[in-house]
Amino acid sequence: MSKEFAIGSKVRVVALPPYVKTADPMPMLRPPDVIRIGEEGVVFDRRPGGYWGVRFARGAFLMESQYIDSVESPQAENSSQ
């Protein structure tokens, strides 16, 4: 089961994939060292195949949900209601 993220939500990299895909119209493979574990980004798109478009400081990449986790804590979401 893949995680779901809201568009505009902040996510954090929890593991590095063997390579990352750019979120360009013609995606290219890049080495995983363009992002770091713990780096935060913003979800801007949902793509087929379980990929999420995430904008990081060094560019926008397609990330599978197993490699990212939400930054917002459940307690913060519950206390705002």
PDB file of N, CA and C in Angstrom:
ATOM      1  N   MET A   1       0.844  -1.185   0.000  1.00  0.00           N
ATOM      2  CA  MET A   1       0.000   0.000   0.000  1.00  0.00           C
ATOM      3  C   MET A   1       0.888   1.246   0.000  1.00  0.00           C
ATOM      4  N   SER A   2       0.632   2.160  -0.912  1.00  0.00           N
ATOM      5  CA  SER A   2       1.431   3.373  -0.977  1.00  0.00           C
ATOM      6  C   SER A   2       0.795   4.474  -0.135  1.00  0.00           C
ATOM      7  N   LYS A   3       1.629   5.364   0.360  1.00  0.00           N
ATOM      8  CA  LYS A   3       1.156   6.486   1.158  1.00  0.00           C
ATOM      9  C   LYS A   3       0.545   7.532   0.240  1.00  0.00           C
ATOM     10  N   GLU A   4      -0.356   8.310   0.777  1.00  0.00           N
ATOM     11  CA  GLU A   4      -0.968   9.393   0.033  1.00  0.00           C
ATOM     12  C   GLU A   4      -0.519  10.718   0.628  1.00  0.00           C
ATOM     13  N   PHE A   5      -0.262  11.690  -0.220  1.00  0.00           N
ATOM     14  CA  PHE A   5       0.164  13.018   0.200  1.00  0.00           C
ATOM     15  C   PHE A   5      -0.723  14.049  -0.480  1.00  0.00           C
ATOM     16  N   ALA A   6      -0.991  15.131   0.207  1.00  0.00           N
ATOM     17  CA  ALA A   6      -1.765  16.220  -0.385  1.00  0.00           C
ATOM     18  C   ALA A   6      -0.829  17.093  -1.215  1.00  0.00           C
ATOM     19  N   ILE A   7      -1.348  17.616  -2.317  1.00  0.00           N
ATOM     20  CA  ILE A   7      -0.565  18.538  -3.134  1.00  0.00           C
ATOM     21  C   ILE A   7      -0.254  19.773  -2.280  1.00  0.00           C
ATOM     22  N   GLY A   8       0.986  20.180  -2.256  1.00  0.00           N
ATOM     23  CA  GLY A   8       1.412  21.322  -1.447  1.00  0.00           C
ATOM     24  C   GLY A   8       1.946  20.934  -0.084  1.00  0.00           C
ATOM     25  N   SER A   9       1.857  19.648   0.292  1.00  0.00           N
ATOM     26  CA  SER A   9       2.355  19.228   1.599  1.00  0.00           C
ATOM     27  C   SER A   9       3.866  19.044   1.565  1.00  0.00           C
ATOM     28  N   LYS A  10       4.493  19.225   2.722  1.00  0.00           N
ATOM     29  CA  LYS A  10       5.941  19.048   2.832  1.00  0.00           C
ATOM     30  C   LYS A  10       6.241  17.591   3.143  1.00  0.00           C
ATOM     31  N   VAL A  11       7.272  17.084   2.480  1.00  0.00           N
ATOM     32  CA  VAL A  11       7.714  15.707   2.703  1.00  0.00           C
ATOM     33  C   VAL A  11       9.223  15.705   2.948  1.00  0.00           C
ATOM     34  N   ARG A  12       9.687  14.620   3.555  1.00  0.00           N
ATOM     35  CA  ARG A  12      11.107  14.446   3.873  1.00  0.00           C
ATOM     36  C   ARG A  12      11.587  13.135   3.265  1.00  0.00           C
ATOM     37  N   VAL A  13      12.790  13.131   2.732  1.00  0.00           N
ATOM     38  CA  VAL A  13      13.388  11.917   2.169  1.00  0.00           C
ATOM     39  C   VAL A  13      13.823  11.025   3.330  1.00  0.00           C
ATOM     40  N   VAL A  14      13.327   9.770   3.361  1.00  0.00           N
ATOM     41  CA  VAL A  14      13.671   8.844   4.438  1.00  0.00           C
ATOM     42  C   VAL A  14      14.630   7.754   3.966  1.00  0.00           C
ATOM     43  N   ALA A  15      14.748   7.573   2.657  1.00  0.00           N
ATOM     44  CA  ALA A  15      15.685   6.599   2.084  1.00  0.00           C
ATOM     45  C   ALA A  15      15.989   7.042   0.658  1.00  0.00           C
ATOM     46  N   LEU A  16      17.171   6.702   0.182  1.00  0.00           N
ATOM     47  CA  LEU A  16      17.548   7.066  -1.181  1.00  0.00           C
ATOM     48  C   LEU A  16      17.299   5.905  -2.135  1.00  0.00           C
ATOM     49  N   PRO A  17      16.663   6.189  -3.272  1.00  0.00           N
ATOM     50  CA  PRO A  17      16.495   5.144  -4.279  1.00  0.00           C
ATOM     51  C   PRO A  17      17.822   4.914  -5.001  1.00  0.00           C
ATOM     52  N   PRO A  18      17.933   3.864  -5.802  1.00  0.00           N
ATOM     53  CA  PRO A  18      19.170   3.614  -6.546  1.00  0.00           C
ATOM     54  C   PRO A  18      19.474   4.735  -7.554  1.00  0.00           C
ATOM     55  N   TYR A  19      18.441   5.434  -8.001  1.00  0.00           N
ATOM     56  CA  TYR A  19      18.560   6.582  -8.897  1.00  0.00           C
ATOM     57  C   TYR A  19      17.297   7.416  -8.723  1.00  0.00           C
ATOM     58  N   VAL A  20      17.309   8.649  -9.177  1.00  0.00           N
ATOM     59  CA  VAL A  20      16.109   9.495  -9.131  1.00  0.00           C
ATOM     60  C   VAL A  20      15.777   9.935 -10.550  1.00  0.00           C
ATOM     61  N   LYS A  21      14.486  10.132 -10.807  1.00  0.00           N
ATOM     62  CA  LYS A  21      14.022  10.624 -12.098  1.00  0.00           C
ATOM     63  C   LYS A  21      13.701  12.099 -11.960  1.00  0.00           C
ATOM     64  N   THR A  22      14.103  12.885 -12.953  1.00  0.00           N
ATOM     65  CA  THR A  22      13.704  14.285 -12.956  1.00  0.00           C
ATOM     66  C   THR A  22      12.216  14.361 -13.291  1.00  0.00           C
ATOM     67  N   ALA A  23      11.575  15.449 -12.910  1.00  0.00           N
ATOM     68  CA  ALA A  23      10.144  15.620 -13.176  1.00  0.00           C
ATOM     69  C   ALA A  23       9.920  16.420 -14.452  1.00  0.00           C
ATOM     70  N   ASP A  24      10.860  16.364 -15.373  1.00  0.00           N
ATOM     71  CA  ASP A  24      10.743  17.045 -16.654  1.00  0.00           C
ATOM     72  C   ASP A  24       9.744  16.311 -17.546  1.00  0.00           C
ATOM     73  N   PRO A  25       9.281  16.977 -18.630  1.00  0.00           N
ATOM     74  CA  PRO A  25       8.389  16.276 -19.572  1.00  0.00           C
ATOM     75  C   PRO A  25       9.025  14.993 -20.124  1.00  0.00           C
ATOM     76  N   MET A  26      10.345  14.999 -20.304  1.00  0.00           N
ATOM     77  CA  MET A  26      11.079  13.797 -20.686  1.00  0.00           C
ATOM     78  C   MET A  26      12.004  13.468 -19.513  1.00  0.00           C
ATOM     79  N   PRO A  27      11.535  12.660 -18.539  1.00  0.00           N
ATOM     80  CA  PRO A  27      12.333  12.398 -17.336  1.00  0.00           C
ATOM     81  C   PRO A  27      13.689  11.772 -17.663  1.00  0.00           C
ATOM     82  N   MET A  28      14.686  12.201 -16.902  1.00  0.00           N
ATOM     83  CA  MET A  28      16.037  11.653 -17.030  1.00  0.00           C
ATOM     84  C   MET A  28      16.441  11.055 -15.698  1.00  0.00           C
ATOM     85  N   LEU A  29      17.260  10.023 -15.735  1.00  0.00           N
ATOM     86  CA  LEU A  29      17.757   9.415 -14.510  1.00  0.00           C
ATOM     87  C   LEU A  29      18.976  10.178 -14.016  1.00  0.00           C
ATOM     88  N   ARG A  30      19.019  10.394 -12.717  1.00  0.00           N
ATOM     89  CA  ARG A  30      20.145  11.076 -12.087  1.00  0.00           C
ATOM     90  C   ARG A  30      20.658  10.213 -10.944  1.00  0.00           C
ATOM     91  N   PRO A  31      21.919  10.381 -10.570  1.00  0.00           N
ATOM     92  CA  PRO A  31      22.432   9.629  -9.412  1.00  0.00           C
ATOM     93  C   PRO A  31      21.706  10.088  -8.144  1.00  0.00           C
ATOM     94  N   PRO A  32      21.611   9.227  -7.157  1.00  0.00           N
ATOM     95  CA  PRO A  32      20.840   9.583  -5.953  1.00  0.00           C
ATOM     96  C   PRO A  32      21.477  10.679  -5.112  1.00  0.00           C
ATOM     97  N   ASP A  33      22.731  11.059  -5.385  1.00  0.00           N
ATOM     98  CA  ASP A  33      23.367  12.067  -4.546  1.00  0.00           C
ATOM     99  C   ASP A  33      22.909  13.502  -4.846  1.00  0.00           C
ATOM    100  N   VAL A  34      21.947  13.683  -5.762  1.00  0.00           N
ATOM    101  CA  VAL A  34      21.404  15.031  -5.979  1.00  0.00           C
ATOM    102  C   VAL A  34      20.458  15.430  -4.850  1.00  0.00           C
ATOM    103  N   ILE A  35      19.996  14.446  -4.076  1.00  0.00           N
ATOM    104  CA  ILE A  35      19.197  14.716  -2.869  1.00  0.00           C
ATOM    105  C   ILE A  35      19.846  13.974  -1.708  1.00  0.00           C
ATOM    106  N   ARG A  36      19.506  14.372  -0.494  1.00  0.00           N
ATOM    107  CA  ARG A  36      20.075  13.743   0.702  1.00  0.00           C
ATOM    108  C   ARG A  36      18.950  13.206   1.592  1.00  0.00           C
ATOM    109  N   ILE A  37      19.267  12.211   2.376  1.00  0.00           N
ATOM    110  CA  ILE A  37      18.317  11.729   3.387  1.00  0.00           C
ATOM    111  C   ILE A  37      18.068  12.869   4.364  1.00  0.00           C
ATOM    112  N   GLY A  38      16.818  13.116   4.664  1.00  0.00           N
ATOM    113  CA  GLY A  38      16.436  14.199   5.564  1.00  0.00           C
ATOM    114  C   GLY A  38      16.083  15.486   4.845  1.00  0.00           C
ATOM    115  N   GLU A  39      16.388  15.577   3.552  1.00  0.00           N
ATOM    116  CA  GLU A  39      16.062  16.782   2.792  1.00  0.00           C
ATOM    117  C   GLU A  39      14.545  16.909   2.642  1.00  0.00           C
ATOM    118  N   GLU A  40      14.046  18.122   2.745  1.00  0.00           N
ATOM    119  CA  GLU A  40      12.606  18.370   2.656  1.00  0.00           C
ATOM    120  C   GLU A  40      12.252  18.995   1.320  1.00  0.00           C
ATOM    121  N   GLY A  41      11.071  18.655   0.842  1.00  0.00           N
ATOM    122  CA  GLY A  41      10.567  19.202  -0.411  1.00  0.00           C
ATOM    123  C   GLY A  41       9.060  19.354  -0.338  1.00  0.00           C
ATOM    124  N   VAL A  42       8.474  19.878  -1.411  1.00  0.00           N
ATOM    125  CA  VAL A  42       7.036  20.119  -1.473  1.00  0.00           C
ATOM    126  C   VAL A  42       6.449  19.298  -2.617  1.00  0.00           C
ATOM    127  N   VAL A  43       5.370  18.569  -2.323  1.00  0.00           N
ATOM    128  CA  VAL A  43       4.682  17.762  -3.329  1.00  0.00           C
ATOM    129  C   VAL A  43       3.919  18.707  -4.260  1.00  0.00           C
ATOM    130  N   PHE A  44       4.145  18.572  -5.564  1.00  0.00           N
ATOM    131  CA  PHE A  44       3.428  19.420  -6.512  1.00  0.00           C
ATOM    132  C   PHE A  44       2.623  18.632  -7.532  1.00  0.00           C
ATOM    133  N   ASP A  45       2.735  17.294  -7.534  1.00  0.00           N
ATOM    134  CA  ASP A  45       2.080  16.515  -8.578  1.00  0.00           C
ATOM    135  C   ASP A  45       1.945  15.061  -8.165  1.00  0.00           C
ATOM    136  N   ARG A  46       0.925  14.400  -8.689  1.00  0.00           N
ATOM    137  CA  ARG A  46       0.736  12.953  -8.531  1.00  0.00           C
ATOM    138  C   ARG A  46       0.881  12.338  -9.905  1.00  0.00           C
ATOM    139  N   ARG A  47       1.752  11.352 -10.051  1.00  0.00           N
ATOM    140  CA  ARG A  47       1.991  10.734 -11.356  1.00  0.00           C
ATOM    141  C   ARG A  47       1.578   9.263 -11.320  1.00  0.00           C
ATOM    142  N   PRO A  48       1.277   8.697 -12.478  1.00  0.00           N
ATOM    143  CA  PRO A  48       0.947   7.267 -12.536  1.00  0.00           C
ATOM    144  C   PRO A  48       2.126   6.412 -12.083  1.00  0.00           C
ATOM    145  N   GLY A  49       1.821   5.217 -11.650  1.00  0.00           N
ATOM    146  CA  GLY A  49       2.853   4.274 -11.244  1.00  0.00           C
ATOM    147  C   GLY A  49       3.347   4.481  -9.827  1.00  0.00           C
ATOM    148  N   GLY A  50       2.607   5.237  -9.010  1.00  0.00           N
ATOM    149  CA  GLY A  50       2.994   5.437  -7.618  1.00  0.00           C
ATOM    150  C   GLY A  50       4.057   6.497  -7.407  1.00  0.00           C
ATOM    151  N   TYR A  51       4.241   7.389  -8.365  1.00  0.00           N
ATOM    152  CA  TYR A  51       5.245   8.449  -8.243  1.00  0.00           C
ATOM    153  C   TYR A  51       4.612   9.764  -7.819  1.00  0.00           C
ATOM    154  N   TRP A  52       5.384  10.544  -7.060  1.00  0.00           N
ATOM    155  CA  TRP A  52       4.983  11.874  -6.618  1.00  0.00           C
ATOM    156  C   TRP A  52       6.000  12.872  -7.140  1.00  0.00           C
ATOM    157  N   GLY A  53       5.538  13.967  -7.697  1.00  0.00           N
ATOM    158  CA  GLY A  53       6.424  15.046  -8.104  1.00  0.00           C
ATOM    159  C   GLY A  53       6.754  15.881  -6.881  1.00  0.00           C
ATOM    160  N   VAL A  54       8.035  15.976  -6.544  1.00  0.00           N
ATOM    161  CA  VAL A  54       8.468  16.705  -5.350  1.00  0.00           C
ATOM    162  C   VAL A  54       9.532  17.720  -5.755  1.00  0.00           C
ATOM    163  N   ARG A  55       9.344  18.971  -5.340  1.00  0.00           N
ATOM    164  CA  ARG A  55      10.320  20.023  -5.629  1.00  0.00           C
ATOM    165  C   ARG A  55      11.263  20.172  -4.445  1.00  0.00           C
ATOM    166  N   PHE A  56      12.547  19.933  -4.701  1.00  0.00           N
ATOM    167  CA  PHE A  56      13.607  20.092  -3.709  1.00  0.00           C
ATOM    168  C   PHE A  56      14.442  21.314  -4.075  1.00  0.00           C
ATOM    169  N   ALA A  57      15.425  21.640  -3.252  1.00  0.00           N
ATOM    170  CA  ALA A  57      16.288  22.795  -3.500  1.00  0.00           C
ATOM    171  C   ALA A  57      17.061  22.648  -4.813  1.00  0.00           C
ATOM    172  N   ARG A  58      17.456  21.434  -5.163  1.00  0.00           N
ATOM    173  CA  ARG A  58      18.271  21.217  -6.367  1.00  0.00           C
ATOM    174  C   ARG A  58      17.465  20.760  -7.572  1.00  0.00           C
ATOM    175  N   GLY A  59      16.137  20.891  -7.521  1.00  0.00           N
ATOM    176  CA  GLY A  59      15.311  20.531  -8.671  1.00  0.00           C
ATOM    177  C   GLY A  59      14.078  19.747  -8.278  1.00  0.00           C
ATOM    178  N   ALA A  60      13.298  19.395  -9.289  1.00  0.00           N
ATOM    179  CA  ALA A  60      12.069  18.629  -9.084  1.00  0.00           C
ATOM    180  C   ALA A  60      12.298  17.197  -9.559  1.00  0.00           C
ATOM    181  N   PHE A  61      11.889  16.251  -8.711  1.00  0.00           N
ATOM    182  CA  PHE A  61      12.129  14.845  -9.004  1.00  0.00           C
ATOM    183  C   PHE A  61      10.876  14.029  -8.752  1.00  0.00           C
ATOM    184  N   LEU A  62      10.791  12.875  -9.409  1.00  0.00           N
ATOM    185  CA  LEU A  62       9.701  11.932  -9.204  1.00  0.00           C
ATOM    186  C   LEU A  62      10.152  10.928  -8.147  1.00  0.00           C
ATOM    187  N   MET A  63       9.412  10.870  -7.043  1.00  0.00           N
ATOM    188  CA  MET A  63       9.777  10.002  -5.923  1.00  0.00           C
ATOM    189  C   MET A  63       8.658   9.007  -5.660  1.00  0.00           C
ATOM    190  N   GLU A  64       9.027   7.769  -5.401  1.00  0.00           N
ATOM    191  CA  GLU A  64       8.047   6.774  -4.978  1.00  0.00           C
ATOM    192  C   GLU A  64       7.733   7.013  -3.501  1.00  0.00           C
ATOM    193  N   SER A  65       6.532   6.682  -3.083  1.00  0.00           N
ATOM    194  CA  SER A  65       6.094   6.978  -1.714  1.00  0.00           C
ATOM    195  C   SER A  65       6.914   6.244  -0.659  1.00  0.00           C
ATOM    196  N   GLN A  66       7.580   5.142  -0.997  1.00  0.00           N
ATOM    197  CA  GLN A  66       8.387   4.421  -0.008  1.00  0.00           C
ATOM    198  C   GLN A  66       9.643   5.189   0.392  1.00  0.00           C
ATOM    199  N   TYR A  67      10.034   6.180  -0.411  1.00  0.00           N
ATOM    200  CA  TYR A  67      11.249   6.947  -0.135  1.00  0.00           C
ATOM    201  C   TYR A  67      10.986   8.284   0.551  1.00  0.00           C
ATOM    202  N   ILE A  68       9.719   8.652   0.715  1.00  0.00           N
ATOM    203  CA  ILE A  68       9.382   9.933   1.344  1.00  0.00           C
ATOM    204  C   ILE A  68       8.348   9.732   2.437  1.00  0.00           C
ATOM    205  N   ASP A  69       8.321  10.671   3.366  1.00  0.00           N
ATOM    206  CA  ASP A  69       7.358  10.641   4.464  1.00  0.00           C
ATOM    207  C   ASP A  69       6.906  12.063   4.742  1.00  0.00           C
ATOM    208  N   SER A  70       5.695  12.203   5.252  1.00  0.00           N
ATOM    209  CA  SER A  70       5.146  13.528   5.522  1.00  0.00           C
ATOM    210  C   SER A  70       5.887  14.208   6.669  1.00  0.00           C
ATOM    211  N   VAL A  71       6.093  15.526   6.550  1.00  0.00           N
ATOM    212  CA  VAL A  71       6.759  16.293   7.595  1.00  0.00           C
ATOM    213  C   VAL A  71       5.762  16.691   8.681  1.00  0.00           C
ATOM    214  N   GLU A  72       4.515  16.967   8.289  1.00  0.00           N
ATOM    215  CA  GLU A  72       3.491  17.374   9.256  1.00  0.00           C
ATOM    216  C   GLU A  72       3.177  16.234  10.208  1.00  0.00           C
ATOM    217  N   SER A  73       3.096  16.565  11.485  1.00  0.00           N
ATOM    218  CA  SER A  73       2.789  15.535  12.482  1.00  0.00           C
ATOM    219  C   SER A  73       1.274  15.417  12.642  1.00  0.00           C
ATOM    220  N   PRO A  74       0.766  14.223  12.951  1.00  0.00           N
ATOM    221  CA  PRO A  74      -0.679  14.044  13.135  1.00  0.00           C
ATOM    222  C   PRO A  74      -1.242  14.905  14.265  1.00  0.00           C
ATOM    223  N   GLN A  75      -0.456  15.154  15.327  1.00  0.00           N
ATOM    224  CA  GLN A  75      -0.946  15.965  16.434  1.00  0.00           C
ATOM    225  C   GLN A  75      -1.201  17.396  15.971  1.00  0.00           C
ATOM    226  N   ALA A  76      -0.347  17.943  15.118  1.00  0.00           N
ATOM    227  CA  ALA A  76      -0.520  19.314  14.647  1.00  0.00           C
ATOM    228  C   ALA A  76      -1.779  19.429  13.804  1.00  0.00           C
ATOM    229  N   GLU A  77      -2.084  18.393  13.000  1.00  0.00           N
ATOM    230  CA  GLU A  77      -3.284  18.412  12.189  1.00  0.00           C
ATOM    231  C   GLU A  77      -4.533  18.303  13.053  1.00  0.00           C
ATOM    232  N   ASN A  78      -4.499  17.480  14.088  1.00  0.00           N
ATOM    233  CA  ASN A  78      -5.660  17.315  14.959  1.00  0.00           C
ATOM    234  C   ASN A  78      -5.917  18.547  15.817  1.00  0.00           C
ATOM    235  N   SER A  79      -4.874  19.243  16.277  1.00  0.00           N
ATOM    236  CA  SER A  79      -5.073  20.387  17.144  1.00  0.00           C
ATOM    237  C   SER A  79      -5.613  21.588  16.393  1.00  0.00           C
ATOM    238  N   SER A  80      -5.455  21.634  15.060  1.00  0.00           N
ATOM    239  CA  SER A  80      -5.944  22.771  14.281  1.00  0.00           C
ATOM    240  C   SER A  80      -7.427  22.644  13.956  1.00  0.00           C
ATOM    241  N   GLN A  81      -8.041  21.519  14.264  1.00  0.00           N
ATOM    242  CA  GLN A  81      -9.462  21.326  13.955  1.00  0.00           C
ATOM    243  C   GLN A  81     -10.337  21.766  15.083  1.00  0.00           C
TER     244      GLN A  81
END
